[in-house]
Protein backbone atom coordinates (compact mmCIF):
# COMPACT_ATOMS: atom_id res chain seq x y z
CA UNK A 1 0.00 0.00 0.00
CA UNK A 2 1.41 3.38 -1.00
CA UNK A 3 0.83 6.45 1.13
CA UNK A 4 -0.48 9.37 -0.95
CA UNK A 5 -1.25 12.14 1.53
CA UNK A 6 -2.65 13.17 4.87
CA UNK A 7 -5.89 15.12 4.77
CA UNK A 8 -5.86 17.72 7.54
CA UNK A 9 -8.81 17.60 9.92
CA UNK A 10 -9.30 18.85 13.47
CA UNK A 11 -11.25 15.83 14.73
CA UNK A 12 -9.96 12.84 12.74
CA UNK A 13 -6.71 11.46 11.41
CA UNK A 14 -7.35 11.00 7.70
CA UNK A 15 -4.94 9.29 5.33
CA UNK A 16 -5.19 8.65 1.62
CA UNK A 17 -3.49 5.57 0.21
CA UNK A 18 -3.26 3.86 -3.17
CA UNK A 19 -3.34 0.10 -3.52
CA UNK A 20 -4.40 -2.43 -6.13
CA UNK A 21 -5.94 0.19 -8.48
CA UNK A 22 -7.96 1.71 -5.63
CA UNK A 23 -7.73 4.76 -3.47
CA UNK A 24 -8.23 3.98 0.19
CA UNK A 25 -9.41 6.67 2.59
CA UNK A 26 -8.62 5.71 6.18
CA UNK A 27 -10.31 7.77 8.90
CA UNK A 28 -9.25 7.21 12.51
CA UNK A 29 -10.68 8.45 15.81
CA UNK A 30 -9.13 7.04 18.96
CA UNK A 31 -9.19 3.23 18.81
CA UNK A 32 -11.65 3.15 15.89
CA UNK A 33 -11.10 3.23 12.15
CA UNK A 34 -13.30 3.53 9.07
CA UNK A 35 -11.99 2.68 5.61
CA UNK A 36 -13.49 3.63 2.27
CA UNK A 37 -12.25 2.33 -1.09
CA UNK A 38 -12.84 3.85 -4.49
CA UNK A 39 -11.60 2.51 -7.80
CA UNK A 40 -9.04 4.67 -9.57
CA UNK A 41 -11.16 4.22 -12.70
CA UNK A 42 -14.17 5.85 -11.03
CA UNK A 43 -12.36 9.16 -10.57
CA UNK A 44 -11.60 11.70 -13.24
CA UNK A 45 -9.04 13.37 -11.00
CA UNK A 46 -7.35 11.64 -8.06
CA UNK A 47 -6.81 15.02 -6.40
CA UNK A 48 -10.60 15.14 -5.98
CA UNK A 49 -10.64 12.43 -3.30
CA UNK A 50 -10.26 14.90 -0.40
CA UNK A 51 -13.19 16.93 -1.76
CA UNK A 52 -15.41 13.90 -1.13
CA UNK A 53 -14.77 14.40 2.58
CA UNK A 54 -17.25 17.25 2.92
CA UNK A 55 -18.99 18.37 6.12
CA UNK A 56 -22.08 16.20 5.58
CA UNK A 57 -20.00 13.07 4.98
CA UNK A 58 -17.74 13.70 7.99
CA UNK A 59 -20.77 14.37 10.18
CA UNK A 60 -22.02 10.87 9.32
CA UNK A 61 -18.54 9.47 9.96
CA UNK A 62 -18.58 11.07 13.42
CA UNK A 63 -21.99 9.52 14.15
CA UNK A 64 -20.75 6.13 12.98
CA UNK A 65 -17.75 6.43 15.33
CA UNK A 66 -20.13 7.23 18.20
CA UNK A 67 -22.22 4.17 17.29
CA UNK A 68 -19.08 2.01 17.12
CA UNK A 69 -18.04 3.18 20.57
CA UNK A 70 -21.52 2.52 21.99
CA UNK A 71 -21.53 -0.99 20.49
CA UNK A 72 -18.06 -1.72 21.86
CA UNK A 73 -18.95 -0.50 25.35
CA UNK A 74 -22.21 -2.46 25.30
CA UNK A 75 -20.52 -5.75 24.42
CA UNK A 76 -17.94 -5.13 27.14
CA UNK A 77 -20.72 -4.51 29.66
CA UNK A 78 -22.74 -7.57 28.57
CA UNK A 79 -19.71 -9.78 28.89
CA UNK A 80 -18.28 -8.21 32.06
CA UNK A 81 -15.03 -7.32 30.32
CA UNK A 82 -14.89 -3.57 30.91
PDB file of N, CA and C in Angstrom:
ATOM      1  N   UNK A   1       0.856  -1.159   0.000  1.00  0.00           N
ATOM      2  CA  UNK A   1       0.000   0.000   0.000  1.00  0.00           C
ATOM      3  C   UNK A   1       0.909   1.232   0.000  1.00  0.00           C
ATOM      4  N   UNK A   2       0.604   2.169  -0.859  1.00  0.00           N
ATOM      5  CA  UNK A   2       1.407   3.378  -0.997  1.00  0.00           C
ATOM      6  C   UNK A   2       0.689   4.563  -0.374  1.00  0.00           C
ATOM      7  N   UNK A   3       1.378   5.252   0.522  1.00  0.00           N
ATOM      8  CA  UNK A   3       0.828   6.455   1.135  1.00  0.00           C
ATOM      9  C   UNK A   3       0.796   7.564   0.088  1.00  0.00           C
ATOM     10  N   UNK A   4      -0.346   8.268   0.001  1.00  0.00           N
ATOM     11  CA  UNK A   4      -0.480   9.369  -0.952  1.00  0.00           C
ATOM     12  C   UNK A   4      -0.415  10.705  -0.225  1.00  0.00           C
ATOM     13  N   UNK A   5      -1.263  10.876   0.801  1.00  0.00           N
ATOM     14  CA  UNK A   5      -1.251  12.135   1.531  1.00  0.00           C
ATOM     15  C   UNK A   5      -2.089  12.049   2.795  1.00  0.00           C
ATOM     16  N   UNK A   6      -1.784  12.942   3.723  1.00  0.00           N
ATOM     17  CA  UNK A   6      -2.653  13.173   4.869  1.00  0.00           C
ATOM     18  C   UNK A   6      -3.654  14.235   4.475  1.00  0.00           C
ATOM     19  N   UNK A   7      -4.861  14.101   4.991  1.00  0.00           N
ATOM     20  CA  UNK A   7      -5.886  15.116   4.772  1.00  0.00           C
ATOM     21  C   UNK A   7      -6.115  15.790   6.121  1.00  0.00           C
ATOM     22  N   UNK A   8      -5.740  17.053   6.247  1.00  0.00           N
ATOM     23  CA  UNK A   8      -5.862  17.724   7.544  1.00  0.00           C
ATOM     24  C   UNK A   8      -7.309  17.793   8.026  1.00  0.00           C
ATOM     25  N   UNK A   9      -7.488  17.495   9.302  1.00  0.00           N
ATOM     26  CA  UNK A   9      -8.815  17.598   9.918  1.00  0.00           C
ATOM     27  C   UNK A   9      -8.623  17.749  11.414  1.00  0.00           C
ATOM     28  N   UNK A  10      -9.442  18.575  12.039  1.00  0.00           N
ATOM     29  CA  UNK A  10      -9.302  18.853  13.472  1.00  0.00           C
ATOM     30  C   UNK A  10      -9.726  17.681  14.348  1.00  0.00           C
ATOM     31  N   UNK A  11     -10.677  16.877  13.896  1.00  0.00           N
ATOM     32  CA  UNK A  11     -11.254  15.827  14.731  1.00  0.00           C
ATOM     33  C   UNK A  11     -10.698  14.432  14.424  1.00  0.00           C
ATOM     34  N   UNK A  12     -10.359  14.168  13.176  1.00  0.00           N
ATOM     35  CA  UNK A  12      -9.962  12.836  12.743  1.00  0.00           C
ATOM     36  C   UNK A  12      -8.560  12.844  12.156  1.00  0.00           C
ATOM     37  N   UNK A  13      -7.933  11.667  12.172  1.00  0.00           N
ATOM     38  CA  UNK A  13      -6.713  11.456  11.405  1.00  0.00           C
ATOM     39  C   UNK A  13      -7.161  10.812  10.099  1.00  0.00           C
ATOM     40  N   UNK A  14      -6.894  11.486   8.999  1.00  0.00           N
ATOM     41  CA  UNK A  14      -7.353  11.001   7.701  1.00  0.00           C
ATOM     42  C   UNK A  14      -6.141  10.808   6.799  1.00  0.00           C
ATOM     43  N   UNK A  15      -6.023   9.605   6.254  1.00  0.00           N
ATOM     44  CA  UNK A  15      -4.939   9.293   5.332  1.00  0.00           C
ATOM     45  C   UNK A  15      -5.489   8.773   4.021  1.00  0.00           C
ATOM     46  N   UNK A  16      -4.829   9.135   2.944  1.00  0.00           N
ATOM     47  CA  UNK A  16      -5.193   8.653   1.616  1.00  0.00           C
ATOM     48  C   UNK A  16      -4.069   7.750   1.135  1.00  0.00           C
ATOM     49  N   UNK A  17      -4.443   6.564   0.665  1.00  0.00           N
ATOM     50  CA  UNK A  17      -3.490   5.570   0.210  1.00  0.00           C
ATOM     51  C   UNK A  17      -3.905   5.077  -1.172  1.00  0.00           C
ATOM     52  N   UNK A  18      -2.974   4.495  -1.888  1.00  0.00           N
ATOM     53  CA  UNK A  18      -3.263   3.858  -3.174  1.00  0.00           C
ATOM     54  C   UNK A  18      -2.812   2.411  -3.081  1.00  0.00           C
ATOM     55  N   UNK A  19      -3.668   1.512  -3.557  1.00  0.00           N
ATOM     56  CA  UNK A  19      -3.337   0.097  -3.516  1.00  0.00           C
ATOM     57  C   UNK A  19      -4.240  -0.672  -4.463  1.00  0.00           C
ATOM     58  N   UNK A  20      -3.651  -1.510  -5.288  1.00  0.00           N
ATOM     59  CA  UNK A  20      -4.400  -2.434  -6.133  1.00  0.00           C
ATOM     60  C   UNK A  20      -5.454  -1.713  -6.979  1.00  0.00           C
ATOM     61  N   UNK A  21      -5.071  -0.615  -7.613  1.00  0.00           N
ATOM     62  CA  UNK A  21      -5.941   0.194  -8.480  1.00  0.00           C
ATOM     63  C   UNK A  21      -7.117   0.819  -7.737  1.00  0.00           C
ATOM     64  N   UNK A  22      -6.924   1.054  -6.440  1.00  0.00           N
ATOM     65  CA  UNK A  22      -7.956   1.705  -5.632  1.00  0.00           C
ATOM     66  C   UNK A  22      -7.317   2.791  -4.785  1.00  0.00           C
ATOM     67  N   UNK A  23      -8.110   3.794  -4.492  1.00  0.00           N
ATOM     68  CA  UNK A  23      -7.730   4.758  -3.472  1.00  0.00           C
ATOM     69  C   UNK A  23      -8.416   4.330  -2.184  1.00  0.00           C
ATOM     70  N   UNK A  24      -7.694   4.378  -1.110  1.00  0.00           N
ATOM     71  CA  UNK A  24      -8.228   3.985   0.188  1.00  0.00           C
ATOM     72  C   UNK A  24      -8.160   5.194   1.106  1.00  0.00           C
ATOM     73  N   UNK A  25      -9.321   5.577   1.629  1.00  0.00           N
ATOM     74  CA  UNK A  25      -9.406   6.671   2.589  1.00  0.00           C
ATOM     75  C   UNK A  25      -9.560   6.028   3.955  1.00  0.00           C
ATOM     76  N   UNK A  26      -8.592   6.286   4.831  1.00  0.00           N
ATOM     77  CA  UNK A  26      -8.618   5.714   6.177  1.00  0.00           C
ATOM     78  C   UNK A  26      -8.848   6.859   7.161  1.00  0.00           C
ATOM     79  N   UNK A  27      -9.934   6.743   7.931  1.00  0.00           N
ATOM     80  CA  UNK A  27     -10.306   7.770   8.903  1.00  0.00           C
ATOM     81  C   UNK A  27     -10.230   7.135  10.283  1.00  0.00           C
ATOM     82  N   UNK A  28      -9.452   7.755  11.172  1.00  0.00           N
ATOM     83  CA  UNK A  28      -9.251   7.214  12.507  1.00  0.00           C
ATOM     84  C   UNK A  28      -9.713   8.211  13.562  1.00  0.00           C
ATOM     85  N   UNK A  29     -10.297   7.661  14.631  1.00  0.00           N
ATOM     86  CA  UNK A  29     -10.683   8.447  15.812  1.00  0.00           C
ATOM     87  C   UNK A  29     -10.457   7.550  17.018  1.00  0.00           C
ATOM     88  N   UNK A  30      -9.443   7.879  17.805  1.00  0.00           N
ATOM     89  CA  UNK A  30      -9.135   7.040  18.963  1.00  0.00           C
ATOM     90  C   UNK A  30      -8.834   5.624  18.523  1.00  0.00           C
ATOM     91  N   UNK A  31      -9.479   4.623  19.150  1.00  0.00           N
ATOM     92  CA  UNK A  31      -9.187   3.232  18.813  1.00  0.00           C
ATOM     93  C   UNK A  31      -9.983   2.721  17.600  1.00  0.00           C
ATOM     94  N   UNK A  32     -10.762   3.584  16.980  1.00  0.00           N
ATOM     95  CA  UNK A  32     -11.648   3.148  15.894  1.00  0.00           C
ATOM     96  C   UNK A  32     -11.162   3.645  14.545  1.00  0.00           C
ATOM     97  N   UNK A  33     -11.538   2.915  13.501  1.00  0.00           N
ATOM     98  CA  UNK A  33     -11.104   3.233  12.146  1.00  0.00           C
ATOM     99  C   UNK A  33     -12.224   2.914  11.164  1.00  0.00           C
ATOM    100  N   UNK A  34     -12.389   3.783  10.179  1.00  0.00           N
ATOM    101  CA  UNK A  34     -13.296   3.531   9.068  1.00  0.00           C
ATOM    102  C   UNK A  34     -12.469   3.624   7.795  1.00  0.00           C
ATOM    103  N   UNK A  35     -12.731   2.717   6.860  1.00  0.00           N
ATOM    104  CA  UNK A  35     -11.993   2.676   5.610  1.00  0.00           C
ATOM    105  C   UNK A  35     -12.968   2.691   4.444  1.00  0.00           C
ATOM    106  N   UNK A  36     -12.663   3.516   3.470  1.00  0.00           N
ATOM    107  CA  UNK A  36     -13.486   3.632   2.266  1.00  0.00           C
ATOM    108  C   UNK A  36     -12.580   3.423   1.065  1.00  0.00           C
ATOM    109  N   UNK A  37     -13.037   2.619   0.106  1.00  0.00           N
ATOM    110  CA  UNK A  37     -12.253   2.326  -1.086  1.00  0.00           C
ATOM    111  C   UNK A  37     -13.004   2.816  -2.318  1.00  0.00           C
ATOM    112  N   UNK A  38     -12.251   3.404  -3.230  1.00  0.00           N
ATOM    113  CA  UNK A  38     -12.837   3.850  -4.490  1.00  0.00           C
ATOM    114  C   UNK A  38     -11.870   3.465  -5.611  1.00  0.00           C
ATOM    115  N   UNK A  39     -12.412   2.920  -6.662  1.00  0.00           N
ATOM    116  CA  UNK A  39     -11.600   2.506  -7.797  1.00  0.00           C
ATOM    117  C   UNK A  39     -10.965   3.726  -8.454  1.00  0.00           C
ATOM    118  N   UNK A  40      -9.703   3.588  -8.842  1.00  0.00           N
ATOM    119  CA  UNK A  40      -9.037   4.667  -9.567  1.00  0.00           C
ATOM    120  C   UNK A  40      -9.777   4.990 -10.856  1.00  0.00           C
ATOM    121  N   UNK A  41     -10.432   4.015 -11.438  1.00  0.00           N
ATOM    122  CA  UNK A  41     -11.156   4.216 -12.699  1.00  0.00           C
ATOM    123  C   UNK A  41     -12.433   5.031 -12.517  1.00  0.00           C
ATOM    124  N   UNK A  42     -12.940   5.112 -11.285  1.00  0.00           N
ATOM    125  CA  UNK A  42     -14.168   5.853 -11.027  1.00  0.00           C
ATOM    126  C   UNK A  42     -13.932   7.348 -10.843  1.00  0.00           C
ATOM    127  N   UNK A  43     -12.678   7.756 -10.801  1.00  0.00           N
ATOM    128  CA  UNK A  43     -12.357   9.159 -10.567  1.00  0.00           C
ATOM    129  C   UNK A  43     -11.736   9.783 -11.799  1.00  0.00           C
ATOM    130  N   UNK A  44     -12.211  10.977 -12.141  1.00  0.00           N
ATOM    131  CA  UNK A  44     -11.602  11.703 -13.240  1.00  0.00           C
ATOM    132  C   UNK A  44     -10.282  12.332 -12.816  1.00  0.00           C
ATOM    133  N   UNK A  45     -10.217  12.692 -11.516  1.00  0.00           N
ATOM    134  CA  UNK A  45      -9.038  13.368 -11.002  1.00  0.00           C
ATOM    135  C   UNK A  45      -8.757  12.843  -9.595  1.00  0.00           C
ATOM    136  N   UNK A  46      -7.641  12.172  -9.385  1.00  0.00           N
ATOM    137  CA  UNK A  46      -7.349  11.636  -8.060  1.00  0.00           C
ATOM    138  C   UNK A  46      -7.229  12.711  -6.983  1.00  0.00           C
ATOM    139  N   UNK A  47      -6.895  13.932  -7.371  1.00  0.00           N
ATOM    140  CA  UNK A  47      -6.815  15.021  -6.405  1.00  0.00           C
ATOM    141  C   UNK A  47      -8.187  15.375  -5.831  1.00  0.00           C
ATOM    142  N   UNK A  48      -9.246  14.852  -6.437  1.00  0.00           N
ATOM    143  CA  UNK A  48     -10.599  15.137  -5.983  1.00  0.00           C
ATOM    144  C   UNK A  48     -11.006  14.313  -4.766  1.00  0.00           C
ATOM    145  N   UNK A  49     -10.242  13.299  -4.420  1.00  0.00           N
ATOM    146  CA  UNK A  49     -10.636  12.434  -3.297  1.00  0.00           C
ATOM    147  C   UNK A  49     -10.876  13.238  -2.020  1.00  0.00           C
ATOM    148  N   UNK A  50      -9.988  14.141  -1.621  1.00  0.00           N
ATOM    149  CA  UNK A  50     -10.263  14.899  -0.396  1.00  0.00           C
ATOM    150  C   UNK A  50     -11.539  15.751  -0.468  1.00  0.00           C
ATOM    151  N   UNK A  51     -11.966  16.151  -1.665  1.00  0.00           N
ATOM    152  CA  UNK A  51     -13.195  16.933  -1.764  1.00  0.00           C
ATOM    153  C   UNK A  51     -14.427  16.092  -1.445  1.00  0.00           C
ATOM    154  N   UNK A  52     -14.302  14.773  -1.517  1.00  0.00           N
ATOM    155  CA  UNK A  52     -15.409  13.898  -1.134  1.00  0.00           C
ATOM    156  C   UNK A  52     -15.657  13.934   0.369  1.00  0.00           C
ATOM    157  N   UNK A  53     -14.675  14.386   1.115  1.00  0.00           N
ATOM    158  CA  UNK A  53     -14.767  14.403   2.576  1.00  0.00           C
ATOM    159  C   UNK A  53     -15.381  15.717   3.050  1.00  0.00           C
ATOM    160  N   UNK A  54     -16.579  15.991   2.566  1.00  0.00           N
ATOM    161  CA  UNK A  54     -17.248  17.248   2.923  1.00  0.00           C
ATOM    162  C   UNK A  54     -17.890  17.162   4.308  1.00  0.00           C
ATOM    163  N   UNK A  55     -18.440  18.278   4.760  1.00  0.00           N
ATOM    164  CA  UNK A  55     -18.987  18.373   6.117  1.00  0.00           C
ATOM    165  C   UNK A  55     -20.099  17.356   6.363  1.00  0.00           C
ATOM    166  N   UNK A  56     -20.988  17.164   5.399  1.00  0.00           N
ATOM    167  CA  UNK A  56     -22.082  16.202   5.577  1.00  0.00           C
ATOM    168  C   UNK A  56     -21.544  14.781   5.736  1.00  0.00           C
ATOM    169  N   UNK A  57     -20.581  14.415   4.890  1.00  0.00           N
ATOM    170  CA  UNK A  57     -19.996  13.074   4.981  1.00  0.00           C
ATOM    171  C   UNK A  57     -19.301  12.876   6.319  1.00  0.00           C
ATOM    172  N   UNK A  58     -18.484  13.837   6.737  1.00  0.00           N
ATOM    173  CA  UNK A  58     -17.740  13.697   7.986  1.00  0.00           C
ATOM    174  C   UNK A  58     -18.645  13.744   9.207  1.00  0.00           C
ATOM    175  N   UNK A  59     -19.783  14.401   9.096  1.00  0.00           N
ATOM    176  CA  UNK A  59     -20.766  14.365  10.182  1.00  0.00           C
ATOM    177  C   UNK A  59     -21.303  12.944  10.362  1.00  0.00           C
ATOM    178  N   UNK A  60     -21.567  12.270   9.257  1.00  0.00           N
ATOM    179  CA  UNK A  60     -22.022  10.871   9.315  1.00  0.00           C
ATOM    180  C   UNK A  60     -20.921   9.957   9.833  1.00  0.00           C
ATOM    181  N   UNK A  61     -19.684  10.242   9.460  1.00  0.00           N
ATOM    182  CA  UNK A  61     -18.540   9.473   9.959  1.00  0.00           C
ATOM    183  C   UNK A  61     -18.462   9.614  11.477  1.00  0.00           C
ATOM    184  N   UNK A  62     -18.629  10.835  11.973  1.00  0.00           N
ATOM    185  CA  UNK A  62     -18.581  11.071  13.422  1.00  0.00           C
ATOM    186  C   UNK A  62     -19.688  10.288  14.124  1.00  0.00           C
ATOM    187  N   UNK A  63     -20.883  10.269  13.549  1.00  0.00           N
ATOM    188  CA  UNK A  63     -21.989   9.520  14.152  1.00  0.00           C
ATOM    189  C   UNK A  63     -21.685   8.027  14.156  1.00  0.00           C
ATOM    190  N   UNK A  64     -21.090   7.551  13.064  1.00  0.00           N
ATOM    191  CA  UNK A  64     -20.746   6.133  12.982  1.00  0.00           C
ATOM    192  C   UNK A  64     -19.698   5.770  14.036  1.00  0.00           C
ATOM    193  N   UNK A  65     -18.724   6.671  14.272  1.00  0.00           N
ATOM    194  CA  UNK A  65     -17.750   6.427  15.332  1.00  0.00           C
ATOM    195  C   UNK A  65     -18.431   6.366  16.697  1.00  0.00           C
ATOM    196  N   UNK A  66     -19.391   7.250  16.930  1.00  0.00           N
ATOM    197  CA  UNK A  66     -20.126   7.231  18.202  1.00  0.00           C
ATOM    198  C   UNK A  66     -20.893   5.917  18.346  1.00  0.00           C
ATOM    199  N   UNK A  67     -21.500   5.450  17.259  1.00  0.00           N
ATOM    200  CA  UNK A  67     -22.218   4.167  17.290  1.00  0.00           C
ATOM    201  C   UNK A  67     -21.255   3.003  17.534  1.00  0.00           C
ATOM    202  N   UNK A  68     -20.080   3.054  16.903  1.00  0.00           N
ATOM    203  CA  UNK A  68     -19.085   2.010  17.115  1.00  0.00           C
ATOM    204  C   UNK A  68     -18.668   1.961  18.581  1.00  0.00           C
ATOM    205  N   UNK A  69     -18.442   3.125  19.170  1.00  0.00           N
ATOM    206  CA  UNK A  69     -18.042   3.180  20.573  1.00  0.00           C
ATOM    207  C   UNK A  69     -19.144   2.632  21.475  1.00  0.00           C
ATOM    208  N   UNK A  70     -20.388   3.013  21.187  1.00  0.00           N
ATOM    209  CA  UNK A  70     -21.516   2.518  21.991  1.00  0.00           C
ATOM    210  C   UNK A  70     -21.626   0.999  21.887  1.00  0.00           C
ATOM    211  N   UNK A  71     -21.472   0.465  20.686  1.00  0.00           N
ATOM    212  CA  UNK A  71     -21.530  -0.989  20.488  1.00  0.00           C
ATOM    213  C   UNK A  71     -20.407  -1.692  21.249  1.00  0.00           C
ATOM    214  N   UNK A  72     -19.203  -1.121  21.199  1.00  0.00           N
ATOM    215  CA  UNK A  72     -18.055  -1.723  21.865  1.00  0.00           C
ATOM    216  C   UNK A  72     -18.246  -1.718  23.378  1.00  0.00           C
ATOM    217  N   UNK A  73     -18.714  -0.589  23.912  1.00  0.00           N
ATOM    218  CA  UNK A  73     -18.952  -0.501  25.348  1.00  0.00           C
ATOM    219  C   UNK A  73     -20.059  -1.467  25.777  1.00  0.00           C
ATOM    220  N   UNK A  74     -21.096  -1.573  24.959  1.00  0.00           N
ATOM    221  CA  UNK A  74     -22.214  -2.462  25.296  1.00  0.00           C
ATOM    222  C   UNK A  74     -21.777  -3.927  25.340  1.00  0.00           C
ATOM    223  N   UNK A  75     -20.965  -4.351  24.381  1.00  0.00           N
ATOM    224  CA  UNK A  75     -20.519  -5.746  24.418  1.00  0.00           C
ATOM    225  C   UNK A  75     -19.597  -5.999  25.605  1.00  0.00           C
ATOM    226  N   UNK A  76     -18.794  -4.997  25.953  1.00  0.00           N
ATOM    227  CA  UNK A  76     -17.944  -5.132  27.143  1.00  0.00           C
ATOM    228  C   UNK A  76     -18.771  -5.262  28.409  1.00  0.00           C
ATOM    229  N   UNK A  77     -19.835  -4.448  28.495  1.00  0.00           N
ATOM    230  CA  UNK A  77     -20.719  -4.510  29.661  1.00  0.00           C
ATOM    231  C   UNK A  77     -21.463  -5.846  29.731  1.00  0.00           C
ATOM    232  N   UNK A  78     -21.987  -6.311  28.598  1.00  0.00           N
ATOM    233  CA  UNK A  78     -22.740  -7.573  28.568  1.00  0.00           C
ATOM    234  C   UNK A  78     -21.870  -8.753  28.985  1.00  0.00           C
ATOM    235  N   UNK A  79     -20.598  -8.657  28.652  1.00  0.00           N
ATOM    236  CA  UNK A  79     -19.705  -9.775  28.891  1.00  0.00           C
ATOM    237  C   UNK A  79     -18.765  -9.551  30.066  1.00  0.00           C
ATOM    238  N   UNK A  80     -19.061  -8.533  30.865  1.00  0.00           N
ATOM    239  CA  UNK A  80     -18.279  -8.206  32.057  1.00  0.00           C
ATOM    240  C   UNK A  80     -16.773  -8.120  31.787  1.00  0.00           C
ATOM    241  N   UNK A  81     -16.425  -7.465  30.689  1.00  0.00           N
ATOM    242  CA  UNK A  81     -15.027  -7.325  30.318  1.00  0.00           C
ATOM    243  C   UNK A  81     -14.497  -5.948  30.711  1.00  0.00           C
ATOM    244  N   UNK A  82     -15.328  -4.932  30.604  1.00  0.00           N
ATOM    245  CA  UNK A  82     -14.886  -3.568  30.908  1.00  0.00           C
ATOM    246  C   UNK A  82     -15.394  -3.167  32.274  1.00  0.00           C
TER     247      UNK A  82
END
